[in-house]
């Protein structure tokens, strides 16, 4: 089973995603990130306590490059996908922008 990144990387990822979300989607309360088997599951915490899954990041061993899988609400699953750059991996912020553009833009107040 793949290992999760070290605690320091987990903390850094959470900080990066939350900082980026505050700038890009101020109507989101927070970005929640949970780790399991080498993956980081990213969800938006919305006002009223609702949690909205966005994407799954795959730890590549490099702090600034993560694999990307988009959450598919229609099947309640994650599917490997390409980022707007055309690559299957990139920065956590790029992944959040891609998923957030699909799931968060329509929620703006």
PDB file of N, CA and C in Angstrom:
ATOM      1  N   UNK A   1       0.853  -1.177   0.000  1.00  0.00           N
ATOM      2  CA  UNK A   1       0.000   0.000   0.000  1.00  0.00           C
ATOM      3  C   UNK A   1       0.902   1.244   0.000  1.00  0.00           C
ATOM      4  N   UNK A   2       0.639   2.203  -0.887  1.00  0.00           N
ATOM      5  CA  UNK A   2       1.441   3.427  -0.931  1.00  0.00           C
ATOM      6  C   UNK A   2       1.358   4.187   0.391  1.00  0.00           C
ATOM      7  N   UNK A   3       2.442   4.858   0.717  1.00  0.00           N
ATOM      8  CA  UNK A   3       2.505   5.597   1.976  1.00  0.00           C
ATOM      9  C   UNK A   3       2.066   7.040   1.778  1.00  0.00           C
ATOM     10  N   UNK A   4       1.523   7.585   2.844  1.00  0.00           N
ATOM     11  CA  UNK A   4       1.182   9.002   2.853  1.00  0.00           C
ATOM     12  C   UNK A   4       2.460   9.820   2.950  1.00  0.00           C
ATOM     13  N   UNK A   5       2.398  11.069   2.522  1.00  0.00           N
ATOM     14  CA  UNK A   5       3.565  11.932   2.697  1.00  0.00           C
ATOM     15  C   UNK A   5       3.805  12.184   4.183  1.00  0.00           C
ATOM     16  N   UNK A   6       5.008  12.615   4.526  1.00  0.00           N
ATOM     17  CA  UNK A   6       5.288  12.929   5.935  1.00  0.00           C
ATOM     18  C   UNK A   6       4.330  13.997   6.469  1.00  0.00           C
ATOM     19  N   UNK A   7       4.154  14.012   7.779  1.00  0.00           N
ATOM     20  CA  UNK A   7       3.239  14.968   8.419  1.00  0.00           C
ATOM     21  C   UNK A   7       3.537  16.409   8.018  1.00  0.00           C
ATOM     22  N   UNK A   8       4.806  16.756   7.893  1.00  0.00           N
ATOM     23  CA  UNK A   8       5.158  18.135   7.526  1.00  0.00           C
ATOM     24  C   UNK A   8       4.633  18.476   6.130  1.00  0.00           C
ATOM     25  N   UNK A   9       4.685  17.533   5.192  1.00  0.00           N
ATOM     26  CA  UNK A   9       4.147  17.766   3.850  1.00  0.00           C
ATOM     27  C   UNK A   9       2.626  17.841   3.872  1.00  0.00           C
ATOM     28  N   UNK A  10       2.003  17.030   4.689  1.00  0.00           N
ATOM     29  CA  UNK A  10       0.550  17.074   4.811  1.00  0.00           C
ATOM     30  C   UNK A  10       0.108  18.448   5.310  1.00  0.00           C
ATOM     31  N   UNK A  11       0.790  18.929   6.333  1.00  0.00           N
ATOM     32  CA  UNK A  11       0.475  20.242   6.906  1.00  0.00           C
ATOM     33  C   UNK A  11       0.683  21.335   5.850  1.00  0.00           C
ATOM     34  N   UNK A  12       1.788  21.256   5.129  1.00  0.00           N
ATOM     35  CA  UNK A  12       2.108  22.247   4.093  1.00  0.00           C
ATOM     36  C   UNK A  12       1.039  22.238   2.994  1.00  0.00           C
ATOM     37  N   UNK A  13       0.612  21.063   2.567  1.00  0.00           N
ATOM     38  CA  UNK A  13      -0.419  20.963   1.530  1.00  0.00           C
ATOM     39  C   UNK A  13      -1.718  21.608   1.997  1.00  0.00           C
ATOM     40  N   UNK A  14      -2.122  21.316   3.218  1.00  0.00           N
ATOM     41  CA  UNK A  14      -3.359  21.919   3.747  1.00  0.00           C
ATOM     42  C   UNK A  14      -3.258  23.441   3.763  1.00  0.00           C
ATOM     43  N   UNK A  15      -2.121  23.967   4.206  1.00  0.00           N
ATOM     44  CA  UNK A  15      -1.931  25.417   4.245  1.00  0.00           C
ATOM     45  C   UNK A  15      -1.995  26.021   2.844  1.00  0.00           C
ATOM     46  N   UNK A  16      -1.299  25.412   1.900  1.00  0.00           N
ATOM     47  CA  UNK A  16      -1.277  25.923   0.526  1.00  0.00           C
ATOM     48  C   UNK A  16      -2.680  25.978  -0.066  1.00  0.00           C
ATOM     49  N   UNK A  17      -3.428  24.882   0.081  1.00  0.00           N
ATOM     50  CA  UNK A  17      -4.765  24.825  -0.509  1.00  0.00           C
ATOM     51  C   UNK A  17      -5.716  25.807   0.152  1.00  0.00           C
ATOM     52  N   UNK A  18      -5.641  25.937   1.463  1.00  0.00           N
ATOM     53  CA  UNK A  18      -6.522  26.880   2.155  1.00  0.00           C
ATOM     54  C   UNK A  18      -6.172  28.327   1.821  1.00  0.00           C
ATOM     55  N   UNK A  19      -4.896  28.651   1.717  1.00  0.00           N
ATOM     56  CA  UNK A  19      -4.482  30.000   1.343  1.00  0.00           C
ATOM     57  C   UNK A  19      -5.001  30.340  -0.062  1.00  0.00           C
ATOM     58  N   UNK A  20      -4.842  29.398  -0.966  1.00  0.00           N
ATOM     59  CA  UNK A  20      -5.281  29.617  -2.344  1.00  0.00           C
ATOM     60  C   UNK A  20      -6.804  29.755  -2.419  1.00  0.00           C
ATOM     61  N   UNK A  21      -7.513  28.936  -1.680  1.00  0.00           N
ATOM     62  CA  UNK A  21      -8.986  28.993  -1.697  1.00  0.00           C
ATOM     63  C   UNK A  21      -9.502  30.309  -1.125  1.00  0.00           C
ATOM     64  N   UNK A  22      -8.851  30.833  -0.094  1.00  0.00           N
ATOM     65  CA  UNK A  22      -9.291  32.121   0.472  1.00  0.00           C
ATOM     66  C   UNK A  22      -9.200  33.234  -0.572  1.00  0.00           C
ATOM     67  N   UNK A  23      -8.173  33.177  -1.419  1.00  0.00           N
ATOM     68  CA  UNK A  23      -8.002  34.191  -2.459  1.00  0.00           C
ATOM     69  C   UNK A  23      -8.977  33.986  -3.618  1.00  0.00           C
ATOM     70  N   UNK A  24      -9.200  32.742  -3.980  1.00  0.00           N
ATOM     71  CA  UNK A  24      -9.972  32.421  -5.186  1.00  0.00           C
ATOM     72  C   UNK A  24     -11.469  32.241  -4.925  1.00  0.00           C
ATOM     73  N   UNK A  25     -11.814  31.607  -3.819  1.00  0.00           N
ATOM     74  CA  UNK A  25     -13.219  31.335  -3.477  1.00  0.00           C
ATOM     75  C   UNK A  25     -13.494  31.761  -2.037  1.00  0.00           C
ATOM     76  N   UNK A  26     -13.681  33.048  -1.815  1.00  0.00           N
ATOM     77  CA  UNK A  26     -13.889  33.526  -0.440  1.00  0.00           C
ATOM     78  C   UNK A  26     -15.185  33.020   0.192  1.00  0.00           C
ATOM     79  N   UNK A  27     -16.105  32.508  -0.609  1.00  0.00           N
ATOM     80  CA  UNK A  27     -17.363  31.984  -0.068  1.00  0.00           C
ATOM     81  C   UNK A  27     -17.205  30.568   0.497  1.00  0.00           C
ATOM     82  N   UNK A  28     -16.027  29.968   0.355  1.00  0.00           N
ATOM     83  CA  UNK A  28     -15.745  28.644   0.920  1.00  0.00           C
ATOM     84  C   UNK A  28     -15.151  28.842   2.312  1.00  0.00           C
ATOM     85  N   UNK A  29     -15.691  28.142   3.298  1.00  0.00           N
ATOM     86  CA  UNK A  29     -15.186  28.279   4.669  1.00  0.00           C
ATOM     87  C   UNK A  29     -13.768  27.740   4.808  1.00  0.00           C
ATOM     88  N   UNK A  30     -13.500  26.594   4.219  1.00  0.00           N
ATOM     89  CA  UNK A  30     -12.178  25.962   4.345  1.00  0.00           C
ATOM     90  C   UNK A  30     -12.057  24.845   3.315  1.00  0.00           C
ATOM     91  N   UNK A  31     -10.828  24.417   3.110  1.00  0.00           N
ATOM     92  CA  UNK A  31     -10.549  23.238   2.296  1.00  0.00           C
ATOM     93  C   UNK A  31     -10.093  22.148   3.259  1.00  0.00           C
ATOM     94  N   UNK A  32     -10.806  21.046   3.252  1.00  0.00           N
ATOM     95  CA  UNK A  32     -10.454  19.903   4.098  1.00  0.00           C
ATOM     96  C   UNK A  32      -9.650  18.913   3.263  1.00  0.00           C
ATOM     97  N   UNK A  33      -8.588  18.405   3.850  1.00  0.00           N
ATOM     98  CA  UNK A  33      -7.736  17.437   3.164  1.00  0.00           C
ATOM     99  C   UNK A  33      -7.530  16.260   4.107  1.00  0.00           C
ATOM    100  N   UNK A  34      -7.883  15.074   3.647  1.00  0.00           N
ATOM    101  CA  UNK A  34      -7.626  13.859   4.432  1.00  0.00           C
ATOM    102  C   UNK A  34      -6.735  12.952   3.601  1.00  0.00           C
ATOM    103  N   UNK A  35      -5.891  12.214   4.272  1.00  0.00           N
ATOM    104  CA  UNK A  35      -4.909  11.370   3.598  1.00  0.00           C
ATOM    105  C   UNK A  35      -5.217   9.901   3.835  1.00  0.00           C
ATOM    106  N   UNK A  36      -5.038   9.126   2.739  1.00  0.00           N
ATOM    107  CA  UNK A  36      -5.237   7.679   2.838  1.00  0.00           C
ATOM    108  C   UNK A  36      -4.495   7.013   1.686  1.00  0.00           C
ATOM    109  N   UNK A  37      -3.631   6.086   2.016  1.00  0.00           N
ATOM    110  CA  UNK A  37      -2.938   5.239   1.039  1.00  0.00           C
ATOM    111  C   UNK A  37      -2.234   6.031  -0.068  1.00  0.00           C
ATOM    112  N   UNK A  38      -1.553   7.113   0.308  1.00  0.00           N
ATOM    113  CA  UNK A  38      -0.814   7.886  -0.666  1.00  0.00           C
ATOM    114  C   UNK A  38      -1.635   8.911  -1.433  1.00  0.00           C
ATOM    115  N   UNK A  39      -2.887   9.051  -1.084  1.00  0.00           N
ATOM    116  CA  UNK A  39      -3.763  10.018  -1.738  1.00  0.00           C
ATOM    117  C   UNK A  39      -4.198  11.091  -0.745  1.00  0.00           C
ATOM    118  N   UNK A  40      -4.407  12.291  -1.262  1.00  0.00           N
ATOM    119  CA  UNK A  40      -4.978  13.390  -0.489  1.00  0.00           C
ATOM    120  C   UNK A  40      -6.357  13.677  -1.079  1.00  0.00           C
ATOM    121  N   UNK A  41      -7.389  13.489  -0.286  1.00  0.00           N
ATOM    122  CA  UNK A  41      -8.760  13.733  -0.723  1.00  0.00           C
ATOM    123  C   UNK A  41      -9.128  15.165  -0.325  1.00  0.00           C
ATOM    124  N   UNK A  42      -9.494  15.962  -1.312  1.00  0.00           N
ATOM    125  CA  UNK A  42      -9.714  17.395  -1.115  1.00  0.00           C
ATOM    126  C   UNK A  42     -11.205  17.698  -1.233  1.00  0.00           C
ATOM    127  N   UNK A  43     -11.735  18.399  -0.224  1.00  0.00           N
ATOM    128  CA  UNK A  43     -13.147  18.775  -0.216  1.00  0.00           C
ATOM    129  C   UNK A  43     -13.275  20.218   0.250  1.00  0.00           C
ATOM    130  N   UNK A  44     -14.289  20.905  -0.253  1.00  0.00           N
ATOM    131  CA  UNK A  44     -14.591  22.267   0.185  1.00  0.00           C
ATOM    132  C   UNK A  44     -15.603  22.189   1.319  1.00  0.00           C
ATOM    133  N   UNK A  45     -15.307  22.907   2.392  1.00  0.00           N
ATOM    134  CA  UNK A  45     -16.249  23.040   3.505  1.00  0.00           C
ATOM    135  C   UNK A  45     -17.036  24.321   3.252  1.00  0.00           C
ATOM    136  N   UNK A  46     -18.337  24.176   3.077  1.00  0.00           N
ATOM    137  CA  UNK A  46     -19.199  25.295   2.708  1.00  0.00           C
ATOM    138  C   UNK A  46     -19.969  25.815   3.920  1.00  0.00           C
ATOM    139  N   UNK A  47     -20.446  27.060   3.848  1.00  0.00           N
ATOM    140  CA  UNK A  47     -21.281  27.570   4.934  1.00  0.00           C
ATOM    141  C   UNK A  47     -22.465  26.636   5.174  1.00  0.00           C
ATOM    142  N   UNK A  48     -22.814  26.462   6.413  1.00  0.00           N
ATOM    143  CA  UNK A  48     -23.906  25.567   6.758  1.00  0.00           C
ATOM    144  C   UNK A  48     -23.431  24.151   7.050  1.00  0.00           C
ATOM    145  N   UNK A  49     -22.126  23.925   6.971  1.00  0.00           N
ATOM    146  CA  UNK A  49     -21.576  22.620   7.323  1.00  0.00           C
ATOM    147  C   UNK A  49     -21.527  21.599   6.206  1.00  0.00           C
ATOM    148  N   UNK A  50     -21.912  21.972   5.010  1.00  0.00           N
ATOM    149  CA  UNK A  50     -21.866  21.026   3.893  1.00  0.00           C
ATOM    150  C   UNK A  50     -20.432  20.836   3.417  1.00  0.00           C
ATOM    151  N   UNK A  51     -20.083  19.595   3.097  1.00  0.00           N
ATOM    152  CA  UNK A  51     -18.774  19.265   2.545  1.00  0.00           C
ATOM    153  C   UNK A  51     -18.962  18.811   1.099  1.00  0.00           C
ATOM    154  N   UNK A  52     -18.166  19.394   0.195  1.00  0.00           N
ATOM    155  CA  UNK A  52     -18.294  19.111  -1.224  1.00  0.00           C
ATOM    156  C   UNK A  52     -16.979  18.519  -1.739  1.00  0.00           C
ATOM    157  N   UNK A  53     -16.946  17.212  -2.062  1.00  0.00           N
ATOM    158  CA  UNK A  53     -15.712  16.618  -2.602  1.00  0.00           C
ATOM    159  C   UNK A  53     -15.321  17.308  -3.908  1.00  0.00           C
ATOM    160  N   UNK A  54     -14.010  17.516  -4.093  1.00  0.00           N
ATOM    161  CA  UNK A  54     -13.521  18.187  -5.293  1.00  0.00           C
ATOM    162  C   UNK A  54     -12.596  17.311  -6.119  1.00  0.00           C
ATOM    163  N   UNK A  55     -11.561  16.787  -5.482  1.00  0.00           N
ATOM    164  CA  UNK A  55     -10.578  16.018  -6.237  1.00  0.00           C
ATOM    165  C   UNK A  55      -9.745  15.152  -5.300  1.00  0.00           C
ATOM    166  N   UNK A  56      -8.934  14.339  -5.927  1.00  0.00           N
ATOM    167  CA  UNK A  56      -7.985  13.492  -5.193  1.00  0.00           C
ATOM    168  C   UNK A  56      -6.604  13.758  -5.780  1.00  0.00           C
ATOM    169  N   UNK A  57      -5.649  13.985  -4.907  1.00  0.00           N
ATOM    170  CA  UNK A  57      -4.270  14.211  -5.328  1.00  0.00           C
ATOM    171  C   UNK A  57      -3.444  12.983  -4.972  1.00  0.00           C
ATOM    172  N   UNK A  58      -2.584  12.573  -5.888  1.00  0.00           N
ATOM    173  CA  UNK A  58      -1.718  11.409  -5.647  1.00  0.00           C
ATOM    174  C   UNK A  58      -0.325  11.913  -5.320  1.00  0.00           C
ATOM    175  N   UNK A  59       0.192  11.475  -4.193  1.00  0.00           N
ATOM    176  CA  UNK A  59       1.529  11.870  -3.767  1.00  0.00           C
ATOM    177  C   UNK A  59       2.558  11.254  -4.704  1.00  0.00           C
ATOM    178  N   UNK A  60       3.395  12.102  -5.290  1.00  0.00           N
ATOM    179  CA  UNK A  60       4.416  11.631  -6.237  1.00  0.00           C
ATOM    180  C   UNK A  60       5.801  11.568  -5.603  1.00  0.00           C
ATOM    181  N   UNK A  61       5.900  12.015  -4.366  1.00  0.00           N
ATOM    182  CA  UNK A  61       7.194  12.075  -3.706  1.00  0.00           C
ATOM    183  C   UNK A  61       7.810  13.460  -3.796  1.00  0.00           C
ATOM    184  N   UNK A  62       7.177  14.349  -4.557  1.00  0.00           N
ATOM    185  CA  UNK A  62       7.657  15.718  -4.729  1.00  0.00           C
ATOM    186  C   UNK A  62       6.595  16.665  -4.177  1.00  0.00           C
ATOM    187  N   UNK A  63       7.006  17.592  -3.347  1.00  0.00           N
ATOM    188  CA  UNK A  63       6.072  18.490  -2.672  1.00  0.00           C
ATOM    189  C   UNK A  63       5.211  19.309  -3.620  1.00  0.00           C
ATOM    190  N   UNK A  64       5.752  19.728  -4.748  1.00  0.00           N
ATOM    191  CA  UNK A  64       5.048  20.652  -5.629  1.00  0.00           C
ATOM    192  C   UNK A  64       4.354  19.992  -6.817  1.00  0.00           C
ATOM    193  N   UNK A  65       4.434  18.678  -6.940  1.00  0.00           N
ATOM    194  CA  UNK A  65       3.800  17.982  -8.060  1.00  0.00           C
ATOM    195  C   UNK A  65       2.968  16.815  -7.537  1.00  0.00           C
ATOM    196  N   UNK A  66       1.693  16.849  -7.841  1.00  0.00           N
ATOM    197  CA  UNK A  66       0.752  15.826  -7.388  1.00  0.00           C
ATOM    198  C   UNK A  66      -0.060  15.335  -8.574  1.00  0.00           C
ATOM    199  N   UNK A  67      -0.347  14.034  -8.600  1.00  0.00           N
ATOM    200  CA  UNK A  67      -1.245  13.486  -9.606  1.00  0.00           C
ATOM    201  C   UNK A  67      -2.653  13.986  -9.345  1.00  0.00           C
ATOM    202  N   UNK A  68      -3.498  13.987 -10.370  1.00  0.00           N
ATOM    203  CA  UNK A  68      -4.818  14.599 -10.274  1.00  0.00           C
ATOM    204  C   UNK A  68      -5.914  13.643 -10.706  1.00  0.00           C
ATOM    205  N   UNK A  69      -6.928  13.533  -9.870  1.00  0.00           N
ATOM    206  CA  UNK A  69      -8.149  12.803 -10.209  1.00  0.00           C
ATOM    207  C   UNK A  69      -9.325  13.686  -9.804  1.00  0.00           C
ATOM    208  N   UNK A  70     -10.228  13.892 -10.707  1.00  0.00           N
ATOM    209  CA  UNK A  70     -11.397  14.731 -10.477  1.00  0.00           C
ATOM    210  C   UNK A  70     -12.505  13.913  -9.823  1.00  0.00           C
ATOM    211  N   UNK A  71     -13.202  14.508  -8.867  1.00  0.00           N
ATOM    212  CA  UNK A  71     -14.360  13.854  -8.270  1.00  0.00           C
ATOM    213  C   UNK A  71     -15.518  13.908  -9.253  1.00  0.00           C
ATOM    214  N   UNK A  72     -16.171  12.781  -9.452  1.00  0.00           N
ATOM    215  CA  UNK A  72     -17.342  12.709 -10.330  1.00  0.00           C
ATOM    216  C   UNK A  72     -18.581  12.472  -9.470  1.00  0.00           C
ATOM    217  N   UNK A  73     -19.382  13.503  -9.329  1.00  0.00           N
ATOM    218  CA  UNK A  73     -20.576  13.401  -8.500  1.00  0.00           C
ATOM    219  C   UNK A  73     -21.543  12.354  -9.038  1.00  0.00           C
ATOM    220  N   UNK A  74     -21.579  12.188 -10.352  1.00  0.00           N
ATOM    221  CA  UNK A  74     -22.525  11.253 -10.968  1.00  0.00           C
ATOM    222  C   UNK A  74     -22.289   9.808 -10.538  1.00  0.00           C
ATOM    223  N   UNK A  75     -21.046   9.460 -10.237  1.00  0.00           N
ATOM    224  CA  UNK A  75     -20.742   8.086  -9.818  1.00  0.00           C
ATOM    225  C   UNK A  75     -20.143   8.022  -8.413  1.00  0.00           C
ATOM    226  N   UNK A  76     -20.056   9.173  -7.740  1.00  0.00           N
ATOM    227  CA  UNK A  76     -19.472   9.263  -6.400  1.00  0.00           C
ATOM    228  C   UNK A  76     -18.101   8.575  -6.366  1.00  0.00           C
ATOM    229  N   UNK A  77     -17.268   8.919  -7.365  1.00  0.00           N
ATOM    230  CA  UNK A  77     -15.943   8.307  -7.468  1.00  0.00           C
ATOM    231  C   UNK A  77     -14.955   9.324  -8.033  1.00  0.00           C
ATOM    232  N   UNK A  78     -13.709   8.919  -8.087  1.00  0.00           N
ATOM    233  CA  UNK A  78     -12.643   9.774  -8.612  1.00  0.00           C
ATOM    234  C   UNK A  78     -12.110   9.155  -9.895  1.00  0.00           C
ATOM    235  N   UNK A  79     -11.818  10.005 -10.877  1.00  0.00           N
ATOM    236  CA  UNK A  79     -11.289   9.519 -12.141  1.00  0.00           C
ATOM    237  C   UNK A  79     -10.043  10.332 -12.491  1.00  0.00           C
ATOM    238  N   UNK A  80      -8.956   9.608 -12.806  1.00  0.00           N
ATOM    239  CA  UNK A  80      -7.735  10.285 -13.230  1.00  0.00           C
ATOM    240  C   UNK A  80      -8.068  11.192 -14.391  1.00  0.00           C
ATOM    241  N   UNK A  81      -7.482  12.378 -14.367  1.00  0.00           N
ATOM    242  CA  UNK A  81      -7.830  13.359 -15.369  1.00  0.00           C
ATOM    243  C   UNK A  81      -6.619  14.213 -15.689  1.00  0.00           C
ATOM    244  N   UNK A  82      -6.741  15.040 -16.693  1.00  0.00           N
ATOM    245  CA  UNK A  82      -5.682  15.963 -17.067  1.00  0.00           C
ATOM    246  C   UNK A  82      -6.022  17.348 -16.547  1.00  0.00           C
ATOM    247  N   UNK A  83      -5.003  18.060 -16.139  1.00  0.00           N
ATOM    248  CA  UNK A  83      -5.163  19.437 -15.715  1.00  0.00           C
ATOM    249  C   UNK A  83      -5.261  20.330 -16.955  1.00  0.00           C
ATOM    250  N   UNK A  84      -5.675  21.571 -16.808  1.00  0.00           N
ATOM    251  CA  UNK A  84      -5.744  22.470 -17.965  1.00  0.00           C
ATOM    252  C   UNK A  84      -4.413  22.602 -18.718  1.00  0.00           C
ATOM    253  N   UNK A  85      -3.304  22.340 -18.052  1.00  0.00           N
ATOM    254  CA  UNK A  85      -1.995  22.383 -18.705  1.00  0.00           C
ATOM    255  C   UNK A  85      -1.815  21.231 -19.687  1.00  0.00           C
ATOM    256  N   UNK A  86      -2.704  20.230 -19.612  1.00  0.00           N
ATOM    257  CA  UNK A  86      -2.589  19.043 -20.456  1.00  0.00           C
ATOM    258  C   UNK A  86      -1.820  17.922 -19.801  1.00  0.00           C
ATOM    259  N   UNK A  87      -1.326  18.155 -18.594  1.00  0.00           N
ATOM    260  CA  UNK A  87      -0.555  17.142 -17.875  1.00  0.00           C
ATOM    261  C   UNK A  87      -1.420  16.427 -16.838  1.00  0.00           C
ATOM    262  N   UNK A  88      -1.088  15.185 -16.501  1.00  0.00           N
ATOM    263  CA  UNK A  88      -1.852  14.451 -15.495  1.00  0.00           C
ATOM    264  C   UNK A  88      -1.433  14.782 -14.065  1.00  0.00           C
ATOM    265  N   UNK A  89      -0.407  15.636 -13.901  1.00  0.00           N
ATOM    266  CA  UNK A  89       0.074  16.023 -12.578  1.00  0.00           C
ATOM    267  C   UNK A  89       0.502  17.482 -12.632  1.00  0.00           C
ATOM    268  N   UNK A  90       0.432  18.133 -11.485  1.00  0.00           N
ATOM    269  CA  UNK A  90       0.822  19.533 -11.406  1.00  0.00           C
ATOM    270  C   UNK A  90       0.776  20.015  -9.977  1.00  0.00           C
ATOM    271  N   UNK A  91       0.702  21.316  -9.815  1.00  0.00           N
ATOM    272  CA  UNK A  91       0.693  21.891  -8.473  1.00  0.00           C
ATOM    273  C   UNK A  91      -0.667  21.650  -7.809  1.00  0.00           C
ATOM    274  N   UNK A  92      -0.691  21.620  -6.484  1.00  0.00           N
ATOM    275  CA  UNK A  92      -1.974  21.471  -5.786  1.00  0.00           C
ATOM    276  C   UNK A  92      -2.934  22.606  -6.116  1.00  0.00           C
ATOM    277  N   UNK A  93      -2.402  23.807  -6.285  1.00  0.00           N
ATOM    278  CA  UNK A  93      -3.253  24.948  -6.612  1.00  0.00           C
ATOM    279  C   UNK A  93      -3.892  24.788  -7.990  1.00  0.00           C
ATOM    280  N   UNK A  94      -3.135  24.267  -8.945  1.00  0.00           N
ATOM    281  CA  UNK A  94      -3.680  24.031 -10.281  1.00  0.00           C
ATOM    282  C   UNK A  94      -4.818  23.007 -10.222  1.00  0.00           C
ATOM    283  N   UNK A  95      -4.634  21.969  -9.424  1.00  0.00           N
ATOM    284  CA  UNK A  95      -5.677  20.955  -9.267  1.00  0.00           C
ATOM    285  C   UNK A  95      -6.913  21.549  -8.598  1.00  0.00           C
ATOM    286  N   UNK A  96      -6.700  22.362  -7.568  1.00  0.00           N
ATOM    287  CA  UNK A  96      -7.826  22.997  -6.886  1.00  0.00           C
ATOM    288  C   UNK A  96      -8.565  23.946  -7.823  1.00  0.00           C
ATOM    289  N   UNK A  97      -7.827  24.690  -8.635  1.00  0.00           N
ATOM    290  CA  UNK A  97      -8.469  25.595  -9.601  1.00  0.00           C
ATOM    291  C   UNK A  97      -9.312  24.820 -10.608  1.00  0.00           C
ATOM    292  N   UNK A  98      -8.792  23.700 -11.075  1.00  0.00           N
ATOM    293  CA  UNK A  98      -9.521  22.899 -12.050  1.00  0.00           C
ATOM    294  C   UNK A  98     -10.828  22.363 -11.448  1.00  0.00           C
ATOM    295  N   UNK A  99     -10.726  21.714 -10.307  1.00  0.00           N
ATOM    296  CA  UNK A  99     -11.910  21.150  -9.653  1.00  0.00           C
ATOM    297  C   UNK A  99     -12.836  22.252  -9.148  1.00  0.00           C
ATOM    298  N   UNK A 100     -12.259  23.294  -8.574  1.00  0.00           N
ATOM    299  CA  UNK A 100     -13.063  24.402  -8.064  1.00  0.00           C
ATOM    300  C   UNK A 100     -13.810  25.126  -9.163  1.00  0.00           C
ATOM    301  N   UNK A 101     -13.182  25.247 -10.336  1.00  0.00           N
ATOM    302  CA  UNK A 101     -13.861  25.875 -11.461  1.00  0.00           C
ATOM    303  C   UNK A 101     -15.123  25.127 -11.852  1.00  0.00           C
ATOM    304  N   UNK A 102     -15.091  23.818 -11.689  1.00  0.00           N
ATOM    305  CA  UNK A 102     -16.270  23.007 -12.016  1.00  0.00           C
ATOM    306  C   UNK A 102     -17.318  23.025 -10.914  1.00  0.00           C
ATOM    307  N   UNK A 103     -16.866  22.918  -9.658  1.00  0.00           N
ATOM    308  CA  UNK A 103     -17.804  22.714  -8.558  1.00  0.00           C
ATOM    309  C   UNK A 103     -18.083  23.936  -7.692  1.00  0.00           C
ATOM    310  N   UNK A 104     -17.182  24.918  -7.680  1.00  0.00           N
ATOM    311  CA  UNK A 104     -17.352  26.036  -6.755  1.00  0.00           C
ATOM    312  C   UNK A 104     -17.808  27.332  -7.405  1.00  0.00           C
ATOM    313  N   UNK A 105     -17.524  27.514  -8.679  1.00  0.00           N
ATOM    314  CA  UNK A 105     -17.841  28.785  -9.340  1.00  0.00           C
ATOM    315  C   UNK A 105     -19.332  29.103  -9.307  1.00  0.00           C
ATOM    316  N   UNK A 106     -20.157  28.127  -9.481  1.00  0.00           N
ATOM    317  CA  UNK A 106     -21.596  28.345  -9.484  1.00  0.00           C
ATOM    318  C   UNK A 106     -22.175  28.601  -8.096  1.00  0.00           C
ATOM    319  N   UNK A 107     -21.365  28.410  -7.060  1.00  0.00           N
ATOM    320  CA  UNK A 107     -21.843  28.599  -5.694  1.00  0.00           C
ATOM    321  C   UNK A 107     -21.570  29.996  -5.175  1.00  0.00           C
ATOM    322  N   UNK A 108     -20.847  30.815  -5.927  1.00  0.00           N
ATOM    323  CA  UNK A 108     -20.471  32.151  -5.463  1.00  0.00           C
ATOM    324  C   UNK A 108     -21.711  32.950  -5.065  1.00  0.00           C
ATOM    325  N   UNK A 109     -21.554  33.672  -3.997  1.00  0.00           N
ATOM    326  CA  UNK A 109     -22.675  34.458  -3.458  1.00  0.00           C
ATOM    327  C   UNK A 109     -22.635  35.851  -4.034  1.00  0.00           C
TER     328      UNK A 109
END
